[in-house]
Each structure stands twice: as structure tokens, then as C-alpha cells.
Amino acid sequence: MSGNRPGVMWSGFNLSDAANQSDGASELIDWVHFEKSRVDLGPGFIRILSYFREDGAKSVDAIEQAMHSENATALVIPAHTLKGEARQFGAEPLANIAELIETTARMCVETHRFPDELVSDVVELRRLFQQTVDQFEKATNPLVKRNRSSGFGRRASNQEFGRI
């Protein structure tokens, strides 16, 4: 998305703002894919997204536990699950790291060894999952403030009270 294109708005979230964020949010989530999923899933979108948050956290926990217990077999299913759920919402970097963990673990199960080389990827998985969930929250929760200036020098007003 180019910086001089006008922003596309939906549900109070500006796609060009997402593309210009300095925290890398535009690189974490394909917002066009995310919006397509929102339209395709209709009224169930928020509920399904909440399942992603819950199930994704469980998958990340299970992957970390499998690494601690050095159980390559236990890495496969939660990584596979997280990969599919992340792709459903356009979180391709998260899906890619989950896929790497899944495929490496499958290969290691076949060769009867433990994938020590995945330690840094599993650490990165937790960080990436949290950043992705945070961006989803900003995009879907009307109570999360989006680029509003506040603090000293701002005129007192009740015009934002009760507004979403």
C-alpha cells in the first residue's frame, strides 16, 4: 500500500494508518485479507476472532511446554492449529513461524531427534502472537483509543464521552 493513497476506512480503523504505523503492524497483518475474513464470517467474526485469541494462546503455551519437555511430537498439532487460524485472519508472519515449527517437528519425529534449532523460533512465536493479538484488538475493539491526542494543552470537552 503506498503512503500517498487515501486511507480505506472500516469500523473506525483506517487501513493507511495501519500501513504507516512504526511498530510494524502493517507487516504483521494483511489488512485486506483480515477485512475479507471479517466480511466472509459476518456476525460471527468477533466470536471467531476471540476463539483465535484463546486457542492461539493455548497453542503457544503447548508449543513452549513441548520444547521444555523436549517432545517433538507434541509440537506438531498446536503449531498446525496456530498456522491455520493465523492464516484465516491474514497474520502471515505468525502463520509462517508456526508452519516452520510444525514442519521441522514433523521431520524430527520421523528422524527420531529433537528440534533444538527451534528454540529461538518458539521464543519469537510468543512475541509475534502477542503483537498480532494486540493489532487485532486495536482493529476491532471500539474502546481502544486510536491515535487520539491527549494530555496537557488539550481542551476539556465531553464530546468523546460515550462515543465509540
N, C-alpha and C. Protein backbone atom coordinates (compact mmCIF):
# COMPACT_ATOMS: atom_id res chain seq x y z
N MET A 1 0.85 -1.17 0.00
CA MET A 1 0.00 0.00 0.00
C MET A 1 0.89 1.23 0.00
N SER A 2 0.69 2.12 -0.91
CA SER A 2 1.56 3.30 -0.96
C SER A 2 1.13 4.33 0.06
N GLY A 3 2.08 5.14 0.48
CA GLY A 3 1.82 6.13 1.50
C GLY A 3 0.94 7.28 1.05
N ASN A 4 0.84 7.52 -0.28
CA ASN A 4 0.02 8.64 -0.73
C ASN A 4 -1.37 8.21 -1.19
N ARG A 5 -1.75 6.98 -0.99
CA ARG A 5 -3.13 6.56 -1.27
C ARG A 5 -4.02 6.98 -0.13
N PRO A 6 -5.23 7.41 -0.42
CA PRO A 6 -6.14 7.74 0.68
C PRO A 6 -6.46 6.49 1.47
N GLY A 7 -6.68 6.68 2.76
CA GLY A 7 -6.96 5.56 3.63
C GLY A 7 -8.32 4.95 3.36
N VAL A 8 -8.40 3.64 3.52
CA VAL A 8 -9.65 2.92 3.40
C VAL A 8 -10.16 2.70 4.82
N MET A 9 -11.43 3.08 5.06
CA MET A 9 -11.97 3.00 6.42
C MET A 9 -12.93 1.83 6.55
N TRP A 10 -12.90 1.19 7.70
CA TRP A 10 -13.94 0.25 8.08
C TRP A 10 -13.96 0.19 9.58
N SER A 11 -15.12 0.20 10.13
CA SER A 11 -15.33 0.09 11.58
C SER A 11 -14.41 1.00 12.37
N GLY A 12 -14.15 2.19 11.88
CA GLY A 12 -13.34 3.15 12.60
C GLY A 12 -11.85 2.92 12.51
N PHE A 13 -11.40 1.97 11.71
CA PHE A 13 -9.99 1.67 11.60
C PHE A 13 -9.53 2.04 10.21
N ASN A 14 -8.49 2.82 10.10
CA ASN A 14 -8.01 3.32 8.82
C ASN A 14 -6.87 2.44 8.34
N LEU A 15 -7.04 1.82 7.17
CA LEU A 15 -6.01 0.93 6.63
C LEU A 15 -4.70 1.66 6.37
N SER A 16 -4.75 2.90 5.93
CA SER A 16 -3.50 3.61 5.68
C SER A 16 -2.79 3.91 6.99
N ASP A 17 -3.54 4.11 8.09
CA ASP A 17 -2.90 4.27 9.40
C ASP A 17 -2.15 3.00 9.77
N ALA A 18 -2.75 1.85 9.51
CA ALA A 18 -2.10 0.57 9.83
C ALA A 18 -0.83 0.43 9.01
N ALA A 19 -0.86 0.84 7.76
CA ALA A 19 0.31 0.70 6.90
C ALA A 19 1.44 1.63 7.32
N ASN A 20 1.10 2.74 7.97
CA ASN A 20 2.11 3.72 8.34
C ASN A 20 2.58 3.61 9.78
N GLN A 21 2.08 2.65 10.54
CA GLN A 21 2.47 2.53 11.94
C GLN A 21 3.93 2.12 12.03
N SER A 22 4.62 2.71 12.99
CA SER A 22 6.05 2.43 13.13
C SER A 22 6.31 1.15 13.89
N ASP A 23 5.31 0.54 14.50
CA ASP A 23 5.54 -0.67 15.27
C ASP A 23 5.50 -1.93 14.42
N GLY A 24 5.42 -1.79 13.12
CA GLY A 24 5.47 -2.95 12.24
C GLY A 24 4.13 -3.64 12.05
N ALA A 25 3.04 -3.03 12.47
CA ALA A 25 1.74 -3.67 12.37
C ALA A 25 1.38 -4.00 10.93
N SER A 26 1.78 -3.14 9.99
CA SER A 26 1.44 -3.39 8.60
C SER A 26 2.15 -4.64 8.09
N GLU A 27 3.25 -4.99 8.70
CA GLU A 27 3.98 -6.18 8.29
C GLU A 27 3.46 -7.43 8.99
N LEU A 28 2.76 -7.28 10.09
CA LEU A 28 2.24 -8.42 10.84
C LEU A 28 0.95 -8.96 10.25
N ILE A 29 0.13 -8.09 9.70
CA ILE A 29 -1.21 -8.48 9.28
C ILE A 29 -1.50 -7.94 7.89
N ASP A 30 -2.05 -8.80 7.06
CA ASP A 30 -2.55 -8.39 5.75
C ASP A 30 -3.96 -7.88 6.00
N TRP A 31 -4.09 -6.55 6.12
CA TRP A 31 -5.37 -5.95 6.50
C TRP A 31 -6.46 -6.18 5.46
N VAL A 32 -6.10 -6.33 4.20
CA VAL A 32 -7.10 -6.61 3.17
C VAL A 32 -7.67 -8.02 3.40
N HIS A 33 -6.79 -8.98 3.66
CA HIS A 33 -7.23 -10.34 3.97
C HIS A 33 -8.07 -10.36 5.25
N PHE A 34 -7.62 -9.60 6.25
CA PHE A 34 -8.34 -9.50 7.52
C PHE A 34 -9.76 -9.00 7.28
N GLU A 35 -9.91 -7.95 6.49
CA GLU A 35 -11.22 -7.38 6.21
C GLU A 35 -12.08 -8.36 5.40
N LYS A 36 -11.46 -9.07 4.48
CA LYS A 36 -12.21 -10.08 3.71
C LYS A 36 -12.74 -11.16 4.65
N SER A 37 -11.94 -11.58 5.61
CA SER A 37 -12.40 -12.57 6.59
C SER A 37 -13.54 -12.00 7.41
N ARG A 38 -13.43 -10.73 7.76
CA ARG A 38 -14.50 -10.08 8.53
C ARG A 38 -15.82 -10.12 7.76
N VAL A 39 -15.76 -9.82 6.48
CA VAL A 39 -16.96 -9.83 5.65
C VAL A 39 -17.47 -11.27 5.47
N ASP A 40 -16.57 -12.18 5.17
CA ASP A 40 -16.96 -13.58 4.94
C ASP A 40 -17.58 -14.22 6.18
N LEU A 41 -17.05 -13.92 7.35
CA LEU A 41 -17.54 -14.53 8.58
C LEU A 41 -18.76 -13.82 9.15
N GLY A 42 -19.00 -12.62 8.68
CA GLY A 42 -20.21 -11.88 9.07
C GLY A 42 -20.32 -11.66 10.57
N PRO A 43 -21.53 -11.86 11.10
CA PRO A 43 -21.77 -11.57 12.52
C PRO A 43 -20.95 -12.44 13.48
N GLY A 44 -20.47 -13.57 13.01
CA GLY A 44 -19.68 -14.45 13.87
C GLY A 44 -18.21 -14.07 13.95
N PHE A 45 -17.82 -13.04 13.21
CA PHE A 45 -16.40 -12.67 13.13
C PHE A 45 -15.77 -12.43 14.49
N ILE A 46 -16.37 -11.59 15.31
CA ILE A 46 -15.78 -11.24 16.60
C ILE A 46 -15.67 -12.47 17.50
N ARG A 47 -16.70 -13.32 17.48
CA ARG A 47 -16.67 -14.54 18.28
C ARG A 47 -15.53 -15.45 17.81
N ILE A 48 -15.38 -15.61 16.50
CA ILE A 48 -14.33 -16.47 15.96
C ILE A 48 -12.95 -15.88 16.24
N LEU A 49 -12.83 -14.57 16.16
CA LEU A 49 -11.58 -13.91 16.49
C LEU A 49 -11.24 -14.13 17.97
N SER A 50 -12.24 -14.12 18.83
CA SER A 50 -11.97 -14.38 20.25
C SER A 50 -11.50 -15.82 20.46
N TYR A 51 -12.01 -16.76 19.65
CA TYR A 51 -11.51 -18.14 19.71
C TYR A 51 -10.03 -18.18 19.31
N PHE A 52 -9.68 -17.38 18.30
CA PHE A 52 -8.28 -17.32 17.89
C PHE A 52 -7.40 -16.87 19.06
N ARG A 53 -7.84 -15.84 19.78
CA ARG A 53 -7.06 -15.35 20.92
C ARG A 53 -6.88 -16.45 21.96
N GLU A 54 -7.98 -17.11 22.31
CA GLU A 54 -7.93 -18.15 23.34
C GLU A 54 -7.16 -19.38 22.88
N ASP A 55 -7.55 -19.92 21.72
CA ASP A 55 -6.92 -21.13 21.21
C ASP A 55 -5.46 -20.88 20.83
N GLY A 56 -5.19 -19.69 20.30
CA GLY A 56 -3.81 -19.35 19.94
C GLY A 56 -2.92 -19.30 21.16
N ALA A 57 -3.41 -18.71 22.25
CA ALA A 57 -2.64 -18.66 23.49
C ALA A 57 -2.38 -20.08 24.00
N LYS A 58 -3.39 -20.94 23.91
CA LYS A 58 -3.21 -22.34 24.34
C LYS A 58 -2.19 -23.05 23.45
N SER A 59 -2.24 -22.78 22.15
CA SER A 59 -1.28 -23.40 21.23
C SER A 59 0.14 -22.94 21.54
N VAL A 60 0.33 -21.64 21.77
CA VAL A 60 1.66 -21.13 22.09
C VAL A 60 2.15 -21.76 23.40
N ASP A 61 1.27 -21.84 24.40
CA ASP A 61 1.65 -22.49 25.67
C ASP A 61 2.04 -23.95 25.45
N ALA A 62 1.26 -24.68 24.64
CA ALA A 62 1.55 -26.09 24.37
C ALA A 62 2.88 -26.25 23.64
N ILE A 63 3.17 -25.35 22.71
CA ILE A 63 4.43 -25.40 21.97
C ILE A 63 5.60 -25.16 22.93
N GLU A 64 5.46 -24.16 23.79
CA GLU A 64 6.53 -23.88 24.76
C GLU A 64 6.73 -25.06 25.71
N GLN A 65 5.63 -25.67 26.16
CA GLN A 65 5.73 -26.83 27.05
C GLN A 65 6.40 -28.00 26.34
N ALA A 66 6.07 -28.21 25.09
CA ALA A 66 6.70 -29.29 24.32
C ALA A 66 8.20 -29.07 24.17
N MET A 67 8.59 -27.81 24.00
CA MET A 67 10.02 -27.50 23.91
C MET A 67 10.71 -27.78 25.24
N HIS A 68 10.06 -27.37 26.35
CA HIS A 68 10.66 -27.61 27.67
C HIS A 68 10.79 -29.10 27.97
N SER A 69 9.81 -29.87 27.55
CA SER A 69 9.85 -31.32 27.82
C SER A 69 10.54 -32.10 26.71
N GLU A 70 11.06 -31.38 25.72
CA GLU A 70 11.78 -31.98 24.59
C GLU A 70 10.95 -33.06 23.91
N ASN A 71 9.71 -32.71 23.57
CA ASN A 71 8.78 -33.64 22.95
C ASN A 71 8.41 -33.11 21.56
N ALA A 72 9.11 -33.59 20.55
CA ALA A 72 8.89 -33.12 19.17
C ALA A 72 7.48 -33.43 18.70
N THR A 73 6.94 -34.57 19.08
CA THR A 73 5.59 -34.95 18.66
C THR A 73 4.55 -33.96 19.16
N ALA A 74 4.73 -33.48 20.37
CA ALA A 74 3.77 -32.54 20.97
C ALA A 74 3.84 -31.15 20.35
N LEU A 75 4.83 -30.88 19.53
CA LEU A 75 4.93 -29.59 18.84
C LEU A 75 4.00 -29.51 17.63
N VAL A 76 3.73 -30.64 17.01
CA VAL A 76 3.10 -30.68 15.70
C VAL A 76 1.67 -30.12 15.71
N ILE A 77 0.79 -30.66 16.51
CA ILE A 77 -0.63 -30.28 16.45
C ILE A 77 -0.86 -28.82 16.83
N PRO A 78 -0.30 -28.33 17.95
CA PRO A 78 -0.56 -26.91 18.25
C PRO A 78 0.03 -25.96 17.20
N ALA A 79 1.16 -26.31 16.63
CA ALA A 79 1.75 -25.46 15.58
C ALA A 79 0.87 -25.49 14.33
N HIS A 80 0.36 -26.66 13.99
CA HIS A 80 -0.53 -26.79 12.83
C HIS A 80 -1.81 -25.98 13.05
N THR A 81 -2.37 -26.07 14.23
CA THR A 81 -3.60 -25.33 14.56
C THR A 81 -3.38 -23.83 14.48
N LEU A 82 -2.30 -23.36 15.10
CA LEU A 82 -1.99 -21.93 15.09
C LEU A 82 -1.75 -21.42 13.68
N LYS A 83 -1.08 -22.22 12.87
CA LYS A 83 -0.81 -21.84 11.48
C LYS A 83 -2.12 -21.58 10.73
N GLY A 84 -3.05 -22.50 10.82
CA GLY A 84 -4.31 -22.35 10.10
C GLY A 84 -5.14 -21.19 10.59
N GLU A 85 -5.21 -21.02 11.89
CA GLU A 85 -6.00 -19.93 12.45
C GLU A 85 -5.40 -18.57 12.11
N ALA A 86 -4.08 -18.47 12.15
CA ALA A 86 -3.42 -17.21 11.81
C ALA A 86 -3.66 -16.85 10.35
N ARG A 87 -3.58 -17.83 9.47
CA ARG A 87 -3.80 -17.56 8.04
C ARG A 87 -5.23 -17.12 7.78
N GLN A 88 -6.18 -17.62 8.55
CA GLN A 88 -7.58 -17.25 8.37
C GLN A 88 -7.77 -15.74 8.54
N PHE A 89 -6.96 -15.12 9.41
CA PHE A 89 -7.11 -13.70 9.69
C PHE A 89 -6.03 -12.83 9.05
N GLY A 90 -5.21 -13.39 8.18
CA GLY A 90 -4.21 -12.59 7.48
C GLY A 90 -2.95 -12.33 8.26
N ALA A 91 -2.70 -13.12 9.30
CA ALA A 91 -1.48 -12.96 10.11
C ALA A 91 -0.39 -13.89 9.56
N GLU A 92 0.08 -13.56 8.39
CA GLU A 92 1.00 -14.43 7.67
C GLU A 92 2.34 -14.64 8.38
N PRO A 93 2.99 -13.62 8.96
CA PRO A 93 4.25 -13.89 9.67
C PRO A 93 4.07 -14.88 10.83
N LEU A 94 2.98 -14.78 11.56
CA LEU A 94 2.70 -15.72 12.64
C LEU A 94 2.46 -17.12 12.07
N ALA A 95 1.70 -17.20 10.99
CA ALA A 95 1.44 -18.49 10.34
C ALA A 95 2.74 -19.11 9.83
N ASN A 96 3.63 -18.29 9.29
CA ASN A 96 4.89 -18.81 8.75
C ASN A 96 5.78 -19.41 9.83
N ILE A 97 5.86 -18.76 10.98
CA ILE A 97 6.70 -19.29 12.05
C ILE A 97 6.07 -20.56 12.64
N ALA A 98 4.75 -20.59 12.72
CA ALA A 98 4.06 -21.80 13.19
C ALA A 98 4.28 -22.94 12.20
N GLU A 99 4.24 -22.64 10.91
CA GLU A 99 4.49 -23.65 9.90
C GLU A 99 5.92 -24.18 9.97
N LEU A 100 6.88 -23.30 10.19
CA LEU A 100 8.27 -23.73 10.35
C LEU A 100 8.40 -24.69 11.53
N ILE A 101 7.77 -24.35 12.64
CA ILE A 101 7.81 -25.22 13.83
C ILE A 101 7.15 -26.56 13.51
N GLU A 102 6.00 -26.52 12.86
CA GLU A 102 5.28 -27.75 12.52
C GLU A 102 6.10 -28.66 11.60
N THR A 103 6.59 -28.11 10.51
CA THR A 103 7.30 -28.95 9.53
C THR A 103 8.62 -29.47 10.09
N THR A 104 9.31 -28.64 10.84
CA THR A 104 10.57 -29.10 11.46
C THR A 104 10.29 -30.19 12.48
N ALA A 105 9.25 -30.01 13.27
CA ALA A 105 8.89 -31.03 14.27
C ALA A 105 8.49 -32.34 13.59
N ARG A 106 7.73 -32.26 12.52
CA ARG A 106 7.35 -33.49 11.79
C ARG A 106 8.58 -34.23 11.28
N MET A 107 9.53 -33.48 10.71
CA MET A 107 10.74 -34.10 10.22
C MET A 107 11.52 -34.75 11.37
N CYS A 108 11.57 -34.07 12.51
CA CYS A 108 12.30 -34.59 13.65
C CYS A 108 11.63 -35.83 14.25
N VAL A 109 10.32 -35.89 14.20
CA VAL A 109 9.62 -37.09 14.66
C VAL A 109 10.02 -38.27 13.78
N GLU A 110 10.08 -38.05 12.47
CA GLU A 110 10.45 -39.12 11.54
C GLU A 110 11.89 -39.56 11.72
N THR A 111 12.77 -38.64 12.08
CA THR A 111 14.19 -38.97 12.22
C THR A 111 14.59 -39.24 13.66
N HIS A 112 13.62 -39.25 14.56
CA HIS A 112 13.83 -39.58 15.99
C HIS A 112 14.88 -38.68 16.65
N ARG A 113 14.69 -37.37 16.46
CA ARG A 113 15.55 -36.41 17.14
C ARG A 113 14.71 -35.23 17.60
N PHE A 114 15.25 -34.41 18.50
CA PHE A 114 14.53 -33.25 18.99
C PHE A 114 15.02 -32.00 18.26
N PRO A 115 14.11 -31.10 17.86
CA PRO A 115 14.50 -29.91 17.10
C PRO A 115 15.01 -28.76 17.97
N ASP A 116 16.21 -28.91 18.50
CA ASP A 116 16.81 -27.84 19.32
C ASP A 116 16.92 -26.53 18.55
N GLU A 117 17.03 -26.60 17.25
CA GLU A 117 17.19 -25.40 16.44
C GLU A 117 15.96 -24.50 16.46
N LEU A 118 14.85 -25.00 17.00
CA LEU A 118 13.61 -24.21 17.05
C LEU A 118 13.48 -23.32 18.28
N VAL A 119 14.43 -23.39 19.20
CA VAL A 119 14.29 -22.63 20.46
C VAL A 119 14.05 -21.15 20.19
N SER A 120 14.85 -20.53 19.37
CA SER A 120 14.68 -19.09 19.11
C SER A 120 13.37 -18.82 18.38
N ASP A 121 12.93 -19.74 17.52
CA ASP A 121 11.66 -19.56 16.82
C ASP A 121 10.47 -19.63 17.78
N VAL A 122 10.56 -20.51 18.76
CA VAL A 122 9.49 -20.63 19.75
C VAL A 122 9.43 -19.38 20.62
N VAL A 123 10.59 -18.84 20.97
CA VAL A 123 10.62 -17.58 21.73
C VAL A 123 9.99 -16.47 20.90
N GLU A 124 10.33 -16.39 19.63
CA GLU A 124 9.78 -15.39 18.72
C GLU A 124 8.28 -15.58 18.54
N LEU A 125 7.82 -16.82 18.55
CA LEU A 125 6.40 -17.12 18.37
C LEU A 125 5.55 -16.42 19.42
N ARG A 126 5.96 -16.46 20.66
CA ARG A 126 5.20 -15.82 21.75
C ARG A 126 5.08 -14.31 21.49
N ARG A 127 6.21 -13.68 21.17
CA ARG A 127 6.23 -12.24 20.93
C ARG A 127 5.34 -11.88 19.73
N LEU A 128 5.48 -12.62 18.67
CA LEU A 128 4.71 -12.37 17.45
C LEU A 128 3.22 -12.59 17.67
N PHE A 129 2.87 -13.62 18.41
CA PHE A 129 1.46 -13.88 18.72
C PHE A 129 0.88 -12.70 19.50
N GLN A 130 1.59 -12.23 20.51
CA GLN A 130 1.07 -11.13 21.32
C GLN A 130 0.93 -9.85 20.51
N GLN A 131 1.90 -9.54 19.68
CA GLN A 131 1.80 -8.35 18.83
C GLN A 131 0.63 -8.45 17.86
N THR A 132 0.42 -9.63 17.32
CA THR A 132 -0.68 -9.85 16.39
C THR A 132 -2.02 -9.67 17.08
N VAL A 133 -2.17 -10.27 18.25
CA VAL A 133 -3.41 -10.13 19.01
C VAL A 133 -3.65 -8.67 19.38
N ASP A 134 -2.59 -7.96 19.75
CA ASP A 134 -2.73 -6.54 20.08
C ASP A 134 -3.24 -5.75 18.88
N GLN A 135 -2.75 -6.05 17.69
CA GLN A 135 -3.19 -5.35 16.49
C GLN A 135 -4.64 -5.70 16.15
N PHE A 136 -5.02 -6.96 16.33
CA PHE A 136 -6.41 -7.34 16.13
C PHE A 136 -7.32 -6.60 17.10
N GLU A 137 -6.86 -6.46 18.33
CA GLU A 137 -7.64 -5.75 19.35
C GLU A 137 -7.84 -4.29 18.94
N LYS A 138 -6.78 -3.65 18.48
CA LYS A 138 -6.89 -2.25 18.04
C LYS A 138 -7.86 -2.11 16.87
N ALA A 139 -7.87 -3.11 16.00
CA ALA A 139 -8.71 -3.04 14.81
C ALA A 139 -10.17 -3.34 15.09
N THR A 140 -10.46 -4.04 16.17
CA THR A 140 -11.84 -4.50 16.38
C THR A 140 -12.50 -3.97 17.63
N ASN A 141 -11.75 -3.49 18.60
CA ASN A 141 -12.33 -3.05 19.86
C ASN A 141 -12.57 -1.54 19.82
N PRO A 142 -13.81 -1.12 19.84
CA PRO A 142 -14.09 0.32 19.77
C PRO A 142 -13.65 1.07 21.02
N LEU A 143 -13.33 0.37 22.09
CA LEU A 143 -12.90 1.04 23.31
C LEU A 143 -11.41 1.33 23.35
N VAL A 144 -10.65 0.75 22.41
CA VAL A 144 -9.21 1.02 22.33
C VAL A 144 -9.03 2.34 21.61
N LYS A 145 -8.32 3.27 22.24
CA LYS A 145 -8.10 4.58 21.61
C LYS A 145 -7.18 4.42 20.41
N ARG A 146 -7.52 5.15 19.37
CA ARG A 146 -6.74 5.10 18.13
C ARG A 146 -6.23 6.48 17.79
N ASN A 147 -4.97 6.73 18.04
CA ASN A 147 -4.29 7.97 17.64
C ASN A 147 -5.01 9.23 18.08
N ARG A 148 -5.53 9.26 19.26
CA ARG A 148 -6.14 10.49 19.78
C ARG A 148 -5.10 11.19 20.64
N SER A 149 -4.94 12.47 20.40
CA SER A 149 -4.00 13.21 21.24
C SER A 149 -4.68 13.49 22.57
N SER A 150 -3.90 13.46 23.61
CA SER A 150 -4.43 13.77 24.93
C SER A 150 -3.31 14.38 25.75
N GLY A 151 -3.67 14.84 26.89
CA GLY A 151 -2.66 15.37 27.79
C GLY A 151 -2.70 16.87 27.86
N PHE A 152 -1.61 17.45 28.28
CA PHE A 152 -1.51 18.88 28.51
C PHE A 152 -1.82 19.65 27.23
N GLY A 153 -2.61 20.69 27.38
CA GLY A 153 -2.91 21.55 26.24
C GLY A 153 -4.15 21.14 25.48
N ARG A 154 -4.72 20.04 25.80
CA ARG A 154 -5.93 19.61 25.12
C ARG A 154 -7.14 20.24 25.81
N ARG A 155 -7.99 20.82 25.03
CA ARG A 155 -9.16 21.48 25.57
C ARG A 155 -10.11 20.46 26.19
N ALA A 156 -10.57 20.77 27.38
CA ALA A 156 -11.50 19.88 28.07
C ALA A 156 -12.82 19.86 27.34
N SER A 157 -13.36 18.68 27.12
CA SER A 157 -14.60 18.55 26.41
C SER A 157 -15.24 17.22 26.76
N ASN A 158 -16.54 17.17 26.72
CA ASN A 158 -17.22 15.91 26.95
C ASN A 158 -17.73 15.32 25.64
N GLN A 159 -17.23 15.82 24.52
CA GLN A 159 -17.74 15.36 23.23
C GLN A 159 -17.36 13.93 22.91
N GLU A 160 -16.33 13.37 23.57
CA GLU A 160 -15.96 11.99 23.31
C GLU A 160 -16.61 11.04 24.29
N PHE A 161 -17.18 11.55 25.35
CA PHE A 161 -17.78 10.70 26.36
C PHE A 161 -18.93 9.90 25.75
N GLY A 162 -18.86 8.58 25.92
CA GLY A 162 -19.93 7.72 25.46
C GLY A 162 -19.94 7.46 23.97
N ARG A 163 -18.94 7.95 23.28
CA ARG A 163 -18.90 7.74 21.82
C ARG A 163 -17.89 6.66 21.49
N ILE A 164 -18.21 5.95 20.44
CA ILE A 164 -17.32 4.87 20.01
C ILE A 164 -16.68 5.25 18.70
